[in-house]
């Protein structure tokens, strides 16, 4: 992931691919964050995201996101990000 997406309005469906078949299992609604855990831990996302309703939001580049996480405010968010991923 090269950016973190903040969904303000709309709906995303989260899924995965197994043996060339795609399965969608969870729906993310307004105020969802996509890619925060992957950027924070420098990992490749294992999930697929698909828009179900028109989405409005914004994105922040990984470099700027990491600068925020190095700040005292950002360091307080790290446990919350990990909890959301689990």
Foldseek 3Di string as FASTA:
>chain_A
DFKKWFWAAFKKWKWADDPNDIDTDDMDGHGDMPDPVCLVVVHDDRIDIDGPTDTDTDMDGSVVLVVCCVDPVNVVCVVVVVVVVD
